[in-house]
N, C-alpha and C. Protein backbone atom coordinates (compact mmCIF):
# COMPACT_ATOMS: atom_id res chain seq x y z
N MET A 1 45.07 -24.24 39.95
CA MET A 1 44.11 -23.22 40.28
C MET A 1 44.18 -22.08 39.27
N ALA A 2 45.34 -21.72 38.86
CA ALA A 2 45.47 -20.67 37.87
C ALA A 2 44.84 -21.10 36.57
N THR A 3 44.88 -22.40 36.27
CA THR A 3 44.28 -22.91 35.06
C THR A 3 42.76 -22.80 35.13
N ALA A 4 42.20 -23.15 36.29
CA ALA A 4 40.75 -23.06 36.47
C ALA A 4 40.29 -21.61 36.33
N TYR A 5 41.05 -20.68 36.94
CA TYR A 5 40.70 -19.27 36.85
C TYR A 5 40.77 -18.80 35.39
N HIS A 6 41.80 -19.23 34.69
CA HIS A 6 41.96 -18.86 33.28
C HIS A 6 40.83 -19.42 32.43
N MET A 7 40.43 -20.69 32.65
CA MET A 7 39.33 -21.31 31.92
C MET A 7 38.01 -20.59 32.19
N GLU A 8 37.79 -20.19 33.43
CA GLU A 8 36.57 -19.44 33.77
C GLU A 8 36.56 -18.09 33.06
N ALA A 9 37.69 -17.42 33.00
CA ALA A 9 37.77 -16.13 32.31
C ALA A 9 37.50 -16.30 30.81
N LEU A 10 38.03 -17.38 30.22
CA LEU A 10 37.77 -17.65 28.80
C LEU A 10 36.29 -17.94 28.55
N ARG A 11 35.67 -18.71 29.46
CA ARG A 11 34.24 -19.01 29.33
C ARG A 11 33.42 -17.73 29.38
N LYS A 12 33.71 -16.85 30.33
CA LYS A 12 32.98 -15.59 30.44
C LYS A 12 33.21 -14.71 29.20
N GLN A 13 34.42 -14.73 28.66
CA GLN A 13 34.71 -13.95 27.46
C GLN A 13 33.92 -14.49 26.27
N ARG A 14 33.79 -15.83 26.14
CA ARG A 14 32.99 -16.42 25.06
C ARG A 14 31.53 -16.02 25.19
N ILE A 15 31.03 -16.00 26.42
CA ILE A 15 29.63 -15.58 26.66
C ILE A 15 29.45 -14.13 26.23
N ILE A 16 30.39 -13.27 26.61
CA ILE A 16 30.31 -11.85 26.23
C ILE A 16 30.41 -11.71 24.71
N ASP A 17 31.30 -12.47 24.06
CA ASP A 17 31.43 -12.41 22.60
C ASP A 17 30.15 -12.85 21.90
N ARG A 18 29.52 -13.94 22.41
CA ARG A 18 28.24 -14.39 21.83
C ARG A 18 27.16 -13.33 22.00
N LYS A 19 27.16 -12.66 23.15
CA LYS A 19 26.18 -11.61 23.40
C LYS A 19 26.36 -10.46 22.40
N HIS A 20 27.59 -10.05 22.20
CA HIS A 20 27.86 -8.96 21.25
C HIS A 20 27.50 -9.37 19.83
N ALA A 21 27.81 -10.61 19.47
CA ALA A 21 27.48 -11.10 18.12
C ALA A 21 25.97 -11.13 17.91
N SER A 22 25.23 -11.57 18.92
CA SER A 22 23.76 -11.63 18.78
C SER A 22 23.18 -10.22 18.71
N LEU A 23 23.73 -9.29 19.47
CA LEU A 23 23.25 -7.90 19.40
C LEU A 23 23.55 -7.30 18.03
N ALA A 24 24.71 -7.62 17.46
CA ALA A 24 25.04 -7.13 16.13
C ALA A 24 24.09 -7.72 15.08
N ARG A 25 23.77 -9.03 15.21
CA ARG A 25 22.80 -9.65 14.29
C ARG A 25 21.43 -9.00 14.41
N LEU A 26 21.00 -8.74 15.64
CA LEU A 26 19.70 -8.09 15.83
C LEU A 26 19.69 -6.69 15.20
N ALA A 27 20.79 -5.95 15.35
CA ALA A 27 20.86 -4.60 14.75
C ALA A 27 20.80 -4.69 13.23
N ILE A 28 21.50 -5.67 12.66
CA ILE A 28 21.47 -5.84 11.20
C ILE A 28 20.07 -6.22 10.73
N ILE A 29 19.43 -7.14 11.44
CA ILE A 29 18.06 -7.56 11.08
C ILE A 29 17.10 -6.39 11.17
N GLN A 30 17.25 -5.59 12.22
CA GLN A 30 16.38 -4.41 12.38
C GLN A 30 16.62 -3.41 11.26
N GLN A 31 17.87 -3.19 10.91
CA GLN A 31 18.20 -2.26 9.83
C GLN A 31 17.63 -2.75 8.50
N LEU A 32 17.76 -4.05 8.22
CA LEU A 32 17.21 -4.61 6.99
C LEU A 32 15.69 -4.47 6.97
N GLY A 33 15.05 -4.68 8.13
CA GLY A 33 13.60 -4.52 8.21
C GLY A 33 13.17 -3.09 7.92
N GLU A 34 13.92 -2.12 8.48
CA GLU A 34 13.60 -0.72 8.23
C GLU A 34 13.79 -0.36 6.77
N GLU A 35 14.88 -0.86 6.16
CA GLU A 35 15.12 -0.59 4.74
C GLU A 35 14.02 -1.20 3.88
N LYS A 36 13.59 -2.41 4.22
CA LYS A 36 12.51 -3.06 3.47
C LYS A 36 11.21 -2.27 3.61
N LYS A 37 10.94 -1.81 4.82
CA LYS A 37 9.72 -1.02 5.05
C LYS A 37 9.76 0.28 4.25
N ARG A 38 10.92 0.95 4.25
CA ARG A 38 11.08 2.20 3.51
C ARG A 38 10.92 1.95 2.01
N ALA A 39 11.51 0.85 1.52
CA ALA A 39 11.38 0.52 0.10
C ALA A 39 9.93 0.21 -0.26
N ASP A 40 9.22 -0.49 0.63
CA ASP A 40 7.80 -0.77 0.38
C ASP A 40 6.98 0.51 0.33
N GLN A 41 7.28 1.45 1.23
CA GLN A 41 6.56 2.72 1.22
C GLN A 41 6.83 3.49 -0.06
N GLU A 42 8.07 3.52 -0.51
CA GLU A 42 8.40 4.20 -1.76
C GLU A 42 7.70 3.54 -2.94
N ARG A 43 7.68 2.21 -2.94
CA ARG A 43 7.02 1.48 -4.03
C ARG A 43 5.52 1.78 -4.02
N GLN A 44 4.91 1.82 -2.84
CA GLN A 44 3.48 2.14 -2.76
C GLN A 44 3.21 3.56 -3.24
N LYS A 45 4.09 4.51 -2.91
CA LYS A 45 3.91 5.88 -3.39
C LYS A 45 3.97 5.93 -4.90
N LEU A 46 4.97 5.27 -5.47
CA LEU A 46 5.09 5.25 -6.93
C LEU A 46 3.89 4.56 -7.57
N GLN A 47 3.42 3.49 -6.93
CA GLN A 47 2.27 2.78 -7.47
C GLN A 47 1.02 3.66 -7.43
N LYS A 48 0.84 4.42 -6.35
CA LYS A 48 -0.30 5.33 -6.27
C LYS A 48 -0.22 6.40 -7.35
N VAL A 49 0.96 6.93 -7.56
CA VAL A 49 1.14 7.96 -8.60
C VAL A 49 0.81 7.38 -9.97
N GLU A 50 1.31 6.17 -10.24
CA GLU A 50 1.03 5.53 -11.53
C GLU A 50 -0.46 5.26 -11.69
N GLN A 51 -1.12 4.80 -10.63
CA GLN A 51 -2.55 4.54 -10.70
C GLN A 51 -3.32 5.84 -10.96
N GLU A 52 -2.90 6.91 -10.31
CA GLU A 52 -3.57 8.20 -10.51
C GLU A 52 -3.38 8.69 -11.94
N LYS A 53 -2.16 8.52 -12.48
CA LYS A 53 -1.92 8.91 -13.87
C LYS A 53 -2.77 8.06 -14.82
N GLU A 54 -2.88 6.77 -14.52
CA GLU A 54 -3.69 5.88 -15.37
C GLU A 54 -5.16 6.27 -15.31
N ARG A 55 -5.64 6.58 -14.10
CA ARG A 55 -7.04 7.02 -13.97
C ARG A 55 -7.28 8.31 -14.75
N ALA A 56 -6.36 9.25 -14.64
CA ALA A 56 -6.51 10.52 -15.36
C ALA A 56 -6.48 10.28 -16.87
N ARG A 57 -5.59 9.40 -17.33
CA ARG A 57 -5.51 9.09 -18.75
C ARG A 57 -6.80 8.44 -19.23
N LYS A 58 -7.32 7.50 -18.46
CA LYS A 58 -8.58 6.84 -18.84
C LYS A 58 -9.74 7.83 -18.84
N ARG A 59 -9.73 8.73 -17.85
CA ARG A 59 -10.79 9.74 -17.78
C ARG A 59 -10.74 10.65 -19.00
N GLU A 60 -9.54 11.10 -19.36
CA GLU A 60 -9.38 11.95 -20.54
C GLU A 60 -9.78 11.20 -21.81
N GLU A 61 -9.39 9.94 -21.89
CA GLU A 61 -9.76 9.14 -23.06
C GLU A 61 -11.27 8.97 -23.15
N TYR A 62 -11.91 8.76 -21.99
CA TYR A 62 -13.36 8.62 -21.97
C TYR A 62 -14.03 9.93 -22.40
N ILE A 63 -13.54 11.04 -21.89
CA ILE A 63 -14.14 12.34 -22.24
C ILE A 63 -13.97 12.60 -23.73
N ARG A 64 -12.78 12.26 -24.27
CA ARG A 64 -12.56 12.47 -25.69
C ARG A 64 -13.47 11.60 -26.55
N SER A 65 -13.69 10.39 -26.12
CA SER A 65 -14.49 9.47 -26.94
C SER A 65 -15.96 9.48 -26.55
N MET A 66 -16.32 10.38 -25.63
CA MET A 66 -17.70 10.42 -25.16
C MET A 66 -18.63 10.77 -26.33
N GLY A 67 -19.70 10.07 -26.44
CA GLY A 67 -20.63 10.33 -27.53
C GLY A 67 -22.05 10.13 -27.06
N ARG A 68 -22.97 10.41 -27.92
CA ARG A 68 -24.38 10.18 -27.62
C ARG A 68 -24.98 9.45 -28.81
N THR A 69 -26.03 8.73 -28.58
CA THR A 69 -26.66 7.95 -29.65
C THR A 69 -27.76 8.78 -30.27
N GLY A 70 -27.73 8.88 -31.57
CA GLY A 70 -28.77 9.61 -32.30
C GLY A 70 -29.32 8.73 -33.40
N ARG A 71 -30.07 9.31 -34.31
CA ARG A 71 -30.64 8.54 -35.42
C ARG A 71 -29.56 8.00 -36.35
N ALA A 72 -28.47 8.74 -36.46
CA ALA A 72 -27.40 8.33 -37.36
C ALA A 72 -26.36 7.48 -36.64
N GLY A 73 -26.66 6.96 -35.47
CA GLY A 73 -25.70 6.17 -34.70
C GLY A 73 -25.05 7.03 -33.64
N VAL A 74 -23.85 6.66 -33.26
CA VAL A 74 -23.15 7.41 -32.21
C VAL A 74 -22.53 8.65 -32.82
N VAL A 75 -22.87 9.79 -32.24
CA VAL A 75 -22.34 11.07 -32.69
C VAL A 75 -21.21 11.44 -31.73
N ASN A 76 -20.07 11.72 -32.29
CA ASN A 76 -18.92 12.06 -31.45
C ASN A 76 -19.17 13.42 -30.82
N ALA A 77 -19.15 13.46 -29.52
CA ALA A 77 -19.37 14.71 -28.80
C ALA A 77 -18.08 15.09 -28.08
N ASN A 78 -17.07 15.39 -28.82
CA ASN A 78 -15.78 15.75 -28.25
C ASN A 78 -15.89 17.12 -27.62
N TYR A 79 -16.05 17.14 -26.31
CA TYR A 79 -16.31 18.39 -25.60
C TYR A 79 -15.12 19.34 -25.62
N VAL A 80 -13.93 18.83 -25.83
CA VAL A 80 -12.75 19.69 -25.79
C VAL A 80 -12.75 20.67 -26.95
N ASN A 81 -13.15 20.21 -28.14
CA ASN A 81 -13.08 21.05 -29.34
C ASN A 81 -14.44 21.58 -29.77
N MET A 82 -15.44 21.47 -28.93
CA MET A 82 -16.80 21.90 -29.31
C MET A 82 -17.05 23.36 -28.96
N ILE A 83 -17.98 23.93 -29.67
CA ILE A 83 -18.45 25.28 -29.38
C ILE A 83 -19.33 25.21 -28.13
N ALA A 84 -19.35 26.27 -27.37
CA ALA A 84 -20.08 26.29 -26.10
C ALA A 84 -21.58 26.01 -26.31
N GLU A 85 -22.14 26.54 -27.39
CA GLU A 85 -23.57 26.32 -27.65
C GLU A 85 -23.87 24.85 -27.90
N GLN A 86 -22.98 24.18 -28.63
CA GLN A 86 -23.18 22.75 -28.89
C GLN A 86 -23.05 21.95 -27.60
N LYS A 87 -22.09 22.32 -26.76
CA LYS A 87 -21.94 21.63 -25.48
C LYS A 87 -23.21 21.77 -24.65
N LEU A 88 -23.74 23.00 -24.60
CA LEU A 88 -24.94 23.25 -23.82
C LEU A 88 -26.12 22.45 -24.37
N LYS A 89 -26.27 22.42 -25.68
CA LYS A 89 -27.38 21.70 -26.31
C LYS A 89 -27.30 20.21 -26.00
N ILE A 90 -26.13 19.63 -26.14
CA ILE A 90 -25.97 18.19 -25.88
C ILE A 90 -26.17 17.89 -24.41
N SER A 91 -25.61 18.72 -23.53
CA SER A 91 -25.75 18.44 -22.10
C SER A 91 -27.19 18.58 -21.65
N GLN A 92 -27.93 19.56 -22.19
CA GLN A 92 -29.34 19.72 -21.82
C GLN A 92 -30.16 18.52 -22.31
N ARG A 93 -29.86 18.07 -23.52
CA ARG A 93 -30.57 16.91 -24.07
C ARG A 93 -30.29 15.67 -23.21
N ASP A 94 -29.02 15.51 -22.84
CA ASP A 94 -28.66 14.38 -22.00
C ASP A 94 -29.32 14.47 -20.63
N LEU A 95 -29.40 15.67 -20.08
CA LEU A 95 -30.03 15.85 -18.78
C LEU A 95 -31.53 15.55 -18.85
N ARG A 96 -32.17 16.00 -19.91
CA ARG A 96 -33.61 15.71 -20.05
C ARG A 96 -33.84 14.21 -20.18
N HIS A 97 -32.98 13.54 -20.94
CA HIS A 97 -33.08 12.09 -21.09
C HIS A 97 -32.87 11.40 -19.73
N GLN A 98 -31.89 11.87 -18.98
CA GLN A 98 -31.62 11.29 -17.67
C GLN A 98 -32.79 11.54 -16.72
N GLU A 99 -33.38 12.73 -16.82
CA GLU A 99 -34.53 13.03 -15.96
C GLU A 99 -35.69 12.09 -16.27
N LYS A 100 -35.92 11.80 -17.55
CA LYS A 100 -37.02 10.90 -17.92
C LYS A 100 -36.76 9.49 -17.41
N ILE A 101 -35.51 9.04 -17.51
CA ILE A 101 -35.19 7.69 -17.02
C ILE A 101 -35.38 7.61 -15.52
N LEU A 102 -34.91 8.62 -14.80
CA LEU A 102 -35.08 8.63 -13.35
C LEU A 102 -36.55 8.70 -12.98
N ARG A 103 -37.32 9.50 -13.71
CA ARG A 103 -38.75 9.61 -13.44
C ARG A 103 -39.43 8.27 -13.66
N ASP A 104 -39.06 7.56 -14.72
CA ASP A 104 -39.67 6.27 -15.02
C ASP A 104 -39.33 5.22 -13.95
N HIS A 105 -38.26 5.42 -13.23
CA HIS A 105 -37.89 4.49 -12.17
C HIS A 105 -38.26 5.03 -10.80
N CYS A 106 -39.17 5.98 -10.77
CA CYS A 106 -39.69 6.57 -9.52
C CYS A 106 -38.59 7.27 -8.71
N LEU A 107 -37.67 7.90 -9.40
CA LEU A 107 -36.64 8.69 -8.75
C LEU A 107 -36.76 10.12 -9.25
N VAL A 108 -36.24 11.08 -8.51
CA VAL A 108 -36.36 12.48 -8.88
C VAL A 108 -34.98 13.09 -8.99
N MET A 109 -34.73 13.81 -10.09
CA MET A 109 -33.48 14.49 -10.28
C MET A 109 -33.61 15.97 -9.97
N GLY A 110 -34.74 16.51 -10.19
CA GLY A 110 -34.95 17.95 -10.03
C GLY A 110 -35.31 18.56 -11.36
N HIS A 111 -35.70 19.82 -11.34
CA HIS A 111 -36.17 20.48 -12.54
C HIS A 111 -35.01 20.81 -13.45
N VAL A 112 -35.14 20.50 -14.73
CA VAL A 112 -34.12 20.82 -15.73
C VAL A 112 -34.72 21.84 -16.68
N ASN A 113 -34.01 22.96 -16.84
CA ASN A 113 -34.48 23.98 -17.78
C ASN A 113 -33.29 24.47 -18.60
N ASP A 114 -33.51 25.50 -19.40
CA ASP A 114 -32.47 26.00 -20.29
C ASP A 114 -31.31 26.64 -19.52
N LYS A 115 -31.56 27.12 -18.31
CA LYS A 115 -30.51 27.78 -17.54
C LYS A 115 -29.72 26.79 -16.68
N PHE A 116 -30.21 25.58 -16.57
CA PHE A 116 -29.53 24.57 -15.76
C PHE A 116 -28.38 23.98 -16.58
N LEU A 117 -27.17 24.07 -16.03
CA LEU A 117 -26.00 23.55 -16.73
C LEU A 117 -25.53 22.27 -16.06
N ALA A 118 -24.99 21.38 -16.87
CA ALA A 118 -24.48 20.11 -16.34
C ALA A 118 -23.16 20.33 -15.65
């Protein structure tokens, strides 16, 4: 009888040990999941920052290389180093051209005059 009681106590102890081991595995799995989620969020943040920097770089490159087509081909219209009067002249010419294209396609941009700035 003492042997049966001892065997039953050992069986119950094995059940309790398995329960604790499974709870420890679940805690480890949950911790790994949280770490993976946190790492993914950090990676997404860095990726967004890199994409924003790339967009800004492309935008700056586009603005620097922005030009207009004239009789002599493409004229470099580098707005960063231009005089304000030249900027105004080019932007007004571009706006008038855009207004004509929109008008030809039955769209309206609004009135463009010398005081209207792009």
